[in-house]
Amino acid sequence: HAAANSFLDSLAAHRRALGLPGLSINWGAWSGIGSAAGAEIGRHLRLKGLESMTPAEGIAAFDYLLDTEPAQ
């Protein structure tokens, strides 16, 4: 995942530099969906002081990010 994510970050920055749309979001864990949805993973994250976001919080963040300038 790291190499693919790095490529997408660079691609979004390159597109923005050309005046084209581009956005790469480095999502954290979402609760209830995805690979981090399991109870054991959620417990492990909380023990490390991390919280997962709800799908509603993720959609709200996405909506906010669409109106911002940074490519990443």
PDB file of N, CA and C in Angstrom:
ATOM      1  N   HIS A   1       0.800  -1.203   0.000  1.00  0.00           N
ATOM      2  CA  HIS A   1       0.000   0.000   0.000  1.00  0.00           C
ATOM      3  C   HIS A   1       0.847   1.272   0.000  1.00  0.00           C
ATOM      4  N   ALA A   2       1.980   1.218   0.661  1.00  0.00           N
ATOM      5  CA  ALA A   2       2.781   2.435   0.810  1.00  0.00           C
ATOM      6  C   ALA A   2       3.234   2.988  -0.542  1.00  0.00           C
ATOM      7  N   ALA A   3       3.691   2.127  -1.420  1.00  0.00           N
ATOM      8  CA  ALA A   3       4.163   2.592  -2.731  1.00  0.00           C
ATOM      9  C   ALA A   3       3.009   3.169  -3.553  1.00  0.00           C
ATOM     10  N   ALA A   4       1.870   2.495  -3.521  1.00  0.00           N
ATOM     11  CA  ALA A   4       0.710   2.981  -4.277  1.00  0.00           C
ATOM     12  C   ALA A   4       0.234   4.317  -3.726  1.00  0.00           C
ATOM     13  N   ASN A   5       0.188   4.437  -2.409  1.00  0.00           N
ATOM     14  CA  ASN A   5      -0.245   5.698  -1.807  1.00  0.00           C
ATOM     15  C   ASN A   5       0.719   6.830  -2.125  1.00  0.00           C
ATOM     16  N   SER A   6       2.002   6.542  -2.094  1.00  0.00           N
ATOM     17  CA  SER A   6       3.002   7.566  -2.435  1.00  0.00           C
ATOM     18  C   SER A   6       2.823   8.021  -3.880  1.00  0.00           C
ATOM     19  N   PHE A   7       2.565   7.080  -4.779  1.00  0.00           N
ATOM     20  CA  PHE A   7       2.323   7.441  -6.173  1.00  0.00           C
ATOM     21  C   PHE A   7       1.100   8.344  -6.299  1.00  0.00           C
ATOM     22  N   LEU A   8       0.009   7.998  -5.622  1.00  0.00           N
ATOM     23  CA  LEU A   8      -1.203   8.807  -5.717  1.00  0.00           C
ATOM     24  C   LEU A   8      -0.993  10.209  -5.138  1.00  0.00           C
ATOM     25  N   ASP A   9      -0.225  10.307  -4.052  1.00  0.00           N
ATOM     26  CA  ASP A   9       0.095  11.622  -3.486  1.00  0.00           C
ATOM     27  C   ASP A   9       0.852  12.466  -4.514  1.00  0.00           C
ATOM     28  N   SER A  10       1.842  11.860  -5.154  1.00  0.00           N
ATOM     29  CA  SER A  10       2.640  12.572  -6.162  1.00  0.00           C
ATOM     30  C   SER A  10       1.802  12.928  -7.387  1.00  0.00           C
ATOM     31  N   LEU A  11       0.945  12.025  -7.811  1.00  0.00           N
ATOM     32  CA  LEU A  11       0.089  12.288  -8.966  1.00  0.00           C
ATOM     33  C   LEU A  11      -0.840  13.466  -8.700  1.00  0.00           C
ATOM     34  N   ALA A  12      -1.441  13.512  -7.516  1.00  0.00           N
ATOM     35  CA  ALA A  12      -2.334  14.626  -7.187  1.00  0.00           C
ATOM     36  C   ALA A  12      -1.562  15.945  -7.180  1.00  0.00           C
ATOM     37  N   ALA A  13      -0.361  15.939  -6.602  1.00  0.00           N
ATOM     38  CA  ALA A  13       0.456  17.159  -6.571  1.00  0.00           C
ATOM     39  C   ALA A  13       0.851  17.587  -7.988  1.00  0.00           C
ATOM     40  N   HIS A  14       1.210  16.636  -8.822  1.00  0.00           N
ATOM     41  CA  HIS A  14       1.584  16.939 -10.208  1.00  0.00           C
ATOM     42  C   HIS A  14       0.402  17.538 -10.972  1.00  0.00           C
ATOM     43  N   ARG A  15      -0.764  16.939 -10.831  1.00  0.00           N
ATOM     44  CA  ARG A  15      -1.952  17.460 -11.506  1.00  0.00           C
ATOM     45  C   ARG A  15      -2.262  18.874 -11.029  1.00  0.00           C
ATOM     46  N   ARG A  16      -2.160  19.125  -9.738  1.00  0.00           N
ATOM     47  CA  ARG A  16      -2.419  20.477  -9.221  1.00  0.00           C
ATOM     48  C   ARG A  16      -1.418  21.469  -9.795  1.00  0.00           C
ATOM     49  N   ALA A  17      -0.161  21.047  -9.919  1.00  0.00           N
ATOM     50  CA  ALA A  17       0.868  21.933 -10.477  1.00  0.00           C
ATOM     51  C   ALA A  17       0.565  22.288 -11.925  1.00  0.00           C
ATOM     52  N   LEU A  18      -0.137  21.413 -12.632  1.00  0.00           N
ATOM     53  CA  LEU A  18      -0.525  21.668 -14.023  1.00  0.00           C
ATOM     54  C   LEU A  18      -1.849  22.424 -14.135  1.00  0.00           C
ATOM     55  N   GLY A  19      -2.435  22.764 -12.985  1.00  0.00           N
ATOM     56  CA  GLY A  19      -3.712  23.464 -12.988  1.00  0.00           C
ATOM     57  C   GLY A  19      -4.915  22.540 -13.147  1.00  0.00           C
ATOM     58  N   LEU A  20      -4.684  21.250 -12.976  1.00  0.00           N
ATOM     59  CA  LEU A  20      -5.752  20.254 -13.093  1.00  0.00           C
ATOM     60  C   LEU A  20      -6.237  19.841 -11.703  1.00  0.00           C
ATOM     61  N   PRO A  21      -7.423  19.277 -11.614  1.00  0.00           N
ATOM     62  CA  PRO A  21      -7.890  18.810 -10.307  1.00  0.00           C
ATOM     63  C   PRO A  21      -7.084  17.597  -9.849  1.00  0.00           C
ATOM     64  N   GLY A  22      -6.874  17.512  -8.578  1.00  0.00           N
ATOM     65  CA  GLY A  22      -6.183  16.366  -8.002  1.00  0.00           C
ATOM     66  C   GLY A  22      -6.267  16.412  -6.491  1.00  0.00           C
ATOM     67  N   LEU A  23      -6.597  15.287  -5.893  1.00  0.00           N
ATOM     68  CA  LEU A  23      -6.692  15.204  -4.434  1.00  0.00           C
ATOM     69  C   LEU A  23      -6.358  13.781  -4.011  1.00  0.00           C
ATOM     70  N   SER A  24      -5.437  13.645  -3.094  1.00  0.00           N
ATOM     71  CA  SER A  24      -5.089  12.351  -2.512  1.00  0.00           C
ATOM     72  C   SER A  24      -5.330  12.454  -1.011  1.00  0.00           C
ATOM     73  N   ILE A  25      -6.194  11.606  -0.496  1.00  0.00           N
ATOM     74  CA  ILE A  25      -6.559  11.655   0.921  1.00  0.00           C
ATOM     75  C   ILE A  25      -5.919  10.464   1.622  1.00  0.00           C
ATOM     76  N   ASN A  26      -5.165  10.741   2.652  1.00  0.00           N
ATOM     77  CA  ASN A  26      -4.535   9.686   3.448  1.00  0.00           C
ATOM     78  C   ASN A  26      -5.480   9.314   4.588  1.00  0.00           C
ATOM     79  N   TRP A  27      -6.444   8.472   4.250  1.00  0.00           N
ATOM     80  CA  TRP A  27      -7.480   8.096   5.211  1.00  0.00           C
ATOM     81  C   TRP A  27      -6.890   7.297   6.361  1.00  0.00           C
ATOM     82  N   GLY A  28      -7.482   7.480   7.513  1.00  0.00           N
ATOM     83  CA  GLY A  28      -7.206   6.623   8.657  1.00  0.00           C
ATOM     84  C   GLY A  28      -8.231   5.507   8.676  1.00  0.00           C
ATOM     85  N   ALA A  29      -8.341   4.850   9.799  1.00  0.00           N
ATOM     86  CA  ALA A  29      -9.287   3.744   9.942  1.00  0.00           C
ATOM     87  C   ALA A  29     -10.720   4.259  10.043  1.00  0.00           C
ATOM     88  N   TRP A  30     -11.604   3.571   9.352  1.00  0.00           N
ATOM     89  CA  TRP A  30     -13.043   3.853   9.421  1.00  0.00           C
ATOM     90  C   TRP A  30     -13.690   2.773  10.270  1.00  0.00           C
ATOM     91  N   SER A  31     -14.651   3.149  11.099  1.00  0.00           N
ATOM     92  CA  SER A  31     -15.353   2.157  11.914  1.00  0.00           C
ATOM     93  C   SER A  31     -16.470   1.503  11.104  1.00  0.00           C
ATOM     94  N   GLY A  32     -16.644   0.223  11.307  1.00  0.00           N
ATOM     95  CA  GLY A  32     -17.756  -0.490  10.704  1.00  0.00           C
ATOM     96  C   GLY A  32     -17.560  -0.949   9.271  1.00  0.00           C
ATOM     97  N   ILE A  33     -16.528  -0.442   8.583  1.00  0.00           N
ATOM     98  CA  ILE A  33     -16.292  -0.843   7.193  1.00  0.00           C
ATOM     99  C   ILE A  33     -14.787  -0.943   6.949  1.00  0.00           C
ATOM    100  N   GLY A  34     -14.403  -1.659   5.928  1.00  0.00           N
ATOM    101  CA  GLY A  34     -12.999  -1.734   5.539  1.00  0.00           C
ATOM    102  C   GLY A  34     -12.189  -2.708   6.366  1.00  0.00           C
ATOM    103  N   SER A  35     -10.893  -2.713   6.110  1.00  0.00           N
ATOM    104  CA  SER A  35     -10.011  -3.692   6.744  1.00  0.00           C
ATOM    105  C   SER A  35      -9.803  -3.450   8.235  1.00  0.00           C
ATOM    106  N   ALA A  36     -10.096  -2.268   8.724  1.00  0.00           N
ATOM    107  CA  ALA A  36      -9.920  -1.966  10.153  1.00  0.00           C
ATOM    108  C   ALA A  36     -11.235  -2.064  10.926  1.00  0.00           C
ATOM    109  N   ALA A  37     -12.259  -2.677  10.336  1.00  0.00           N
ATOM    110  CA  ALA A  37     -13.580  -2.711  10.961  1.00  0.00           C
ATOM    111  C   ALA A  37     -13.701  -3.756  12.064  1.00  0.00           C
ATOM    112  N   GLY A  38     -12.820  -4.714  12.111  1.00  0.00           N
ATOM    113  CA  GLY A  38     -12.914  -5.776  13.109  1.00  0.00           C
ATOM    114  C   GLY A  38     -12.757  -5.257  14.525  1.00  0.00           C
ATOM    115  N   ALA A  39     -13.440  -5.908  15.452  1.00  0.00           N
ATOM    116  CA  ALA A  39     -13.404  -5.492  16.857  1.00  0.00           C
ATOM    117  C   ALA A  39     -11.989  -5.536  17.424  1.00  0.00           C
ATOM    118  N   GLU A  40     -11.222  -6.551  17.054  1.00  0.00           N
ATOM    119  CA  GLU A  40      -9.859  -6.677  17.574  1.00  0.00           C
ATOM    120  C   GLU A  40      -8.976  -5.524  17.092  1.00  0.00           C
ATOM    121  N   ILE A  41      -9.107  -5.152  15.844  1.00  0.00           N
ATOM    122  CA  ILE A  41      -8.320  -4.035  15.324  1.00  0.00           C
ATOM    123  C   ILE A  41      -8.739  -2.736  15.993  1.00  0.00           C
ATOM    124  N   GLY A  42     -10.040  -2.537  16.172  1.00  0.00           N
ATOM    125  CA  GLY A  42     -10.524  -1.347  16.866  1.00  0.00           C
ATOM    126  C   GLY A  42      -9.974  -1.252  18.276  1.00  0.00           C
ATOM    127  N   ARG A  43      -9.945  -2.386  18.976  1.00  0.00           N
ATOM    128  CA  ARG A  43      -9.404  -2.408  20.343  1.00  0.00           C
ATOM    129  C   ARG A  43      -7.917  -2.073  20.318  1.00  0.00           C
ATOM    130  N   HIS A  44      -7.188  -2.634  19.371  1.00  0.00           N
ATOM    131  CA  HIS A  44      -5.758  -2.367  19.241  1.00  0.00           C
ATOM    132  C   HIS A  44      -5.500  -0.873  18.977  1.00  0.00           C
ATOM    133  N   LEU A  45      -6.287  -0.276  18.111  1.00  0.00           N
ATOM    134  CA  LEU A  45      -6.131   1.159  17.829  1.00  0.00           C
ATOM    135  C   LEU A  45      -6.387   1.990  19.074  1.00  0.00           C
ATOM    136  N   ARG A  46      -7.460   1.669  19.802  1.00  0.00           N
ATOM    137  CA  ARG A  46      -7.784   2.433  21.017  1.00  0.00           C
ATOM    138  C   ARG A  46      -6.677   2.319  22.057  1.00  0.00           C
ATOM    139  N   LEU A  47      -6.065   1.139  22.175  1.00  0.00           N
ATOM    140  CA  LEU A  47      -4.954   0.963  23.119  1.00  0.00           C
ATOM    141  C   LEU A  47      -3.771   1.852  22.758  1.00  0.00           C
ATOM    142  N   LYS A  48      -3.633   2.187  21.504  1.00  0.00           N
ATOM    143  CA  LYS A  48      -2.562   3.074  21.045  1.00  0.00           C
ATOM    144  C   LYS A  48      -2.994   4.541  21.044  1.00  0.00           C
ATOM    145  N   GLY A  49      -4.219   4.812  21.523  1.00  0.00           N
ATOM    146  CA  GLY A  49      -4.698   6.187  21.590  1.00  0.00           C
ATOM    147  C   GLY A  49      -5.300   6.700  20.296  1.00  0.00           C
ATOM    148  N   LEU A  50      -5.623   5.793  19.378  1.00  0.00           N
ATOM    149  CA  LEU A  50      -6.190   6.182  18.092  1.00  0.00           C
ATOM    150  C   LEU A  50      -7.678   5.841  18.046  1.00  0.00           C
ATOM    151  N   GLU A  51      -8.418   6.629  17.345  1.00  0.00           N
ATOM    152  CA  GLU A  51      -9.847   6.389  17.157  1.00  0.00           C
ATOM    153  C   GLU A  51     -10.132   6.251  15.669  1.00  0.00           C
ATOM    154  N   SER A  52     -11.084   5.422  15.330  1.00  0.00           N
ATOM    155  CA  SER A  52     -11.505   5.323  13.936  1.00  0.00           C
ATOM    156  C   SER A  52     -12.630   6.320  13.700  1.00  0.00           C
ATOM    157  N   MET A  53     -12.805   6.702  12.449  1.00  0.00           N
ATOM    158  CA  MET A  53     -13.876   7.643  12.126  1.00  0.00           C
ATOM    159  C   MET A  53     -15.092   6.874  11.631  1.00  0.00           C
ATOM    160  N   THR A  54     -16.244   7.422  11.888  1.00  0.00           N
ATOM    161  CA  THR A  54     -17.466   6.812  11.395  1.00  0.00           C
ATOM    162  C   THR A  54     -17.593   7.124   9.907  1.00  0.00           C
ATOM    163  N   PRO A  55     -18.378   6.327   9.193  1.00  0.00           N
ATOM    164  CA  PRO A  55     -18.599   6.663   7.783  1.00  0.00           C
ATOM    165  C   PRO A  55     -19.147   8.082   7.602  1.00  0.00           C
ATOM    166  N   ALA A  56     -20.025   8.529   8.481  1.00  0.00           N
ATOM    167  CA  ALA A  56     -20.565   9.892   8.377  1.00  0.00           C
ATOM    168  C   ALA A  56     -19.455  10.930   8.544  1.00  0.00           C
ATOM    169  N   GLU A  57     -18.537  10.694   9.472  1.00  0.00           N
ATOM    170  CA  GLU A  57     -17.407  11.614   9.659  1.00  0.00           C
ATOM    171  C   GLU A  57     -16.496  11.607   8.429  1.00  0.00           C
ATOM    172  N   GLY A  58     -16.292  10.426   7.843  1.00  0.00           N
ATOM    173  CA  GLY A  58     -15.460  10.331   6.648  1.00  0.00           C
ATOM    174  C   GLY A  58     -16.063  11.075   5.473  1.00  0.00           C
ATOM    175  N   ILE A  59     -17.373  10.945   5.286  1.00  0.00           N
ATOM    176  CA  ILE A  59     -18.047  11.646   4.188  1.00  0.00           C
ATOM    177  C   ILE A  59     -17.993  13.151   4.416  1.00  0.00           C
ATOM    178  N   ALA A  60     -18.173  13.583   5.669  1.00  0.00           N
ATOM    179  CA  ALA A  60     -18.085  15.015   5.980  1.00  0.00           C
ATOM    180  C   ALA A  60     -16.675  15.533   5.704  1.00  0.00           C
ATOM    181  N   ALA A  61     -15.657  14.748   6.064  1.00  0.00           N
ATOM    182  CA  ALA A  61     -14.269  15.150   5.796  1.00  0.00           C
ATOM    183  C   ALA A  61     -14.017  15.234   4.295  1.00  0.00           C
ATOM    184  N   PHE A  62     -14.522  14.264   3.540  1.00  0.00           N
ATOM    185  CA  PHE A  62     -14.367  14.270   2.089  1.00  0.00           C
ATOM    186  C   PHE A  62     -15.018  15.508   1.483  1.00  0.00           C
ATOM    187  N   ASP A  63     -16.218  15.819   1.928  1.00  0.00           N
ATOM    188  CA  ASP A  63     -16.924  17.005   1.439  1.00  0.00           C
ATOM    189  C   ASP A  63     -16.114  18.264   1.718  1.00  0.00           C
ATOM    190  N   TYR A  64     -15.568  18.364   2.922  1.00  0.00           N
ATOM    191  CA  TYR A  64     -14.737  19.513   3.286  1.00  0.00           C
ATOM    192  C   TYR A  64     -13.484  19.587   2.406  1.00  0.00           C
ATOM    193  N   LEU A  65     -12.809  18.461   2.200  1.00  0.00           N
ATOM    194  CA  LEU A  65     -11.557  18.439   1.452  1.00  0.00           C
ATOM    195  C   LEU A  65     -11.749  18.805  -0.025  1.00  0.00           C
ATOM    196  N   LEU A  66     -12.914  18.528  -0.561  1.00  0.00           N
ATOM    197  CA  LEU A  66     -13.163  18.888  -1.963  1.00  0.00           C
ATOM    198  C   LEU A  66     -13.107  20.398  -2.197  1.00  0.00           C
ATOM    199  N   ASP A  67     -13.320  21.181  -1.139  1.00  0.00           N
ATOM    200  CA  ASP A  67     -13.312  22.639  -1.256  1.00  0.00           C
ATOM    201  C   ASP A  67     -11.996  23.250  -0.758  1.00  0.00           C
ATOM    202  N   THR A  68     -10.953  22.434  -0.575  1.00  0.00           N
ATOM    203  CA  THR A  68      -9.682  22.971  -0.086  1.00  0.00           C
ATOM    204  C   THR A  68      -8.644  22.972  -1.192  1.00  0.00           C
ATOM    205  N   GLU A  69      -7.551  23.656  -0.961  1.00  0.00           N
ATOM    206  CA  GLU A  69      -6.482  23.800  -1.947  1.00  0.00           C
ATOM    207  C   GLU A  69      -5.451  22.680  -1.943  1.00  0.00           C
ATOM    208  N   PRO A  70      -5.081  22.119  -0.791  1.00  0.00           N
ATOM    209  CA  PRO A  70      -3.984  21.139  -0.809  1.00  0.00           C
ATOM    210  C   PRO A  70      -4.302  19.922  -1.677  1.00  0.00           C
ATOM    211  N   ALA A  71      -3.266  19.398  -2.337  1.00  0.00           N
ATOM    212  CA  ALA A  71      -3.438  18.196  -3.155  1.00  0.00           C
ATOM    213  C   ALA A  71      -3.458  16.942  -2.286  1.00  0.00           C
ATOM    214  N   GLN A  72      -2.891  17.044  -1.087  1.00  0.00           N
ATOM    215  CA  GLN A  72      -2.837  15.896  -0.188  1.00  0.00           C
ATOM    216  C   GLN A  72      -3.263  16.315   1.187  1.00  0.00           C
TER     217      GLN A  72
END
